[in-house]
Amino acid sequence: MDIQMSVGLVLMYLNRGSYSALLQRRGMWKDAEKKVLESFPRCLQVTCHGKLEAGEGSEEALKRELGEELGKSFARLYYGHRFHLLAQLASELKNDKKHVITLVSLVPYEFVGAINEVNNVERWLPFAEGELDLLVPITPDMKKDGAPRDKLAMFPDEIEAIRKAFEAIKIPEESKIAV
């Protein structure tokens, strides 16, 4: 059996003296014109996440996902300023079916504006460390029905990635290792 590889990224930024993670809220429609529903609607996910395509490495997949989910201009900005070189491993999930790597990267607050100019602002959720206890694991019924409006639901490995992302940005810069 082939193991499905995925890569994700949690973007963190400093705003008014505290760190925030930029999360993505899944919409209701994958394709509204074709009336194709999104799986796990209203659930949260890391800033960007996706499966590796055939012949693609994790770095290539992350670059592609950044372009698709945050806009090509943001991806050029992110890679042009070489923030990818300072990305840290936030979490890794590996079992007999999948291998998921989620990185965390601290970017200037101004970068968030570049994302919002490209995509629908409503789908982006600034998330503070004090809100970690509000995250609940996604349940099987949420695949079709979505998260209740009063819940902040995420896959367990992504909840762990968000927790570790907040821990990672507290580590002094000189002790961080580029991946």
Foldseek 3Di string as FASTA:
>chain_A
DDAWEKEAEWEWEADPHFIWTKKFAAAQPPDVVVPHGAFQHREIFHQWMDIADPPDDHVRRHLVRCCVRQNNVLSCVCVVVPQLQQWAWLFWDDDPHYIYTYIYTYDYPVSVVSSVVVDPPVRIDTGGPVCLVQEDEDDPVSRNVHDPPSGHYDHPRRSSSVNSNSVVVVPDPVPGHTD
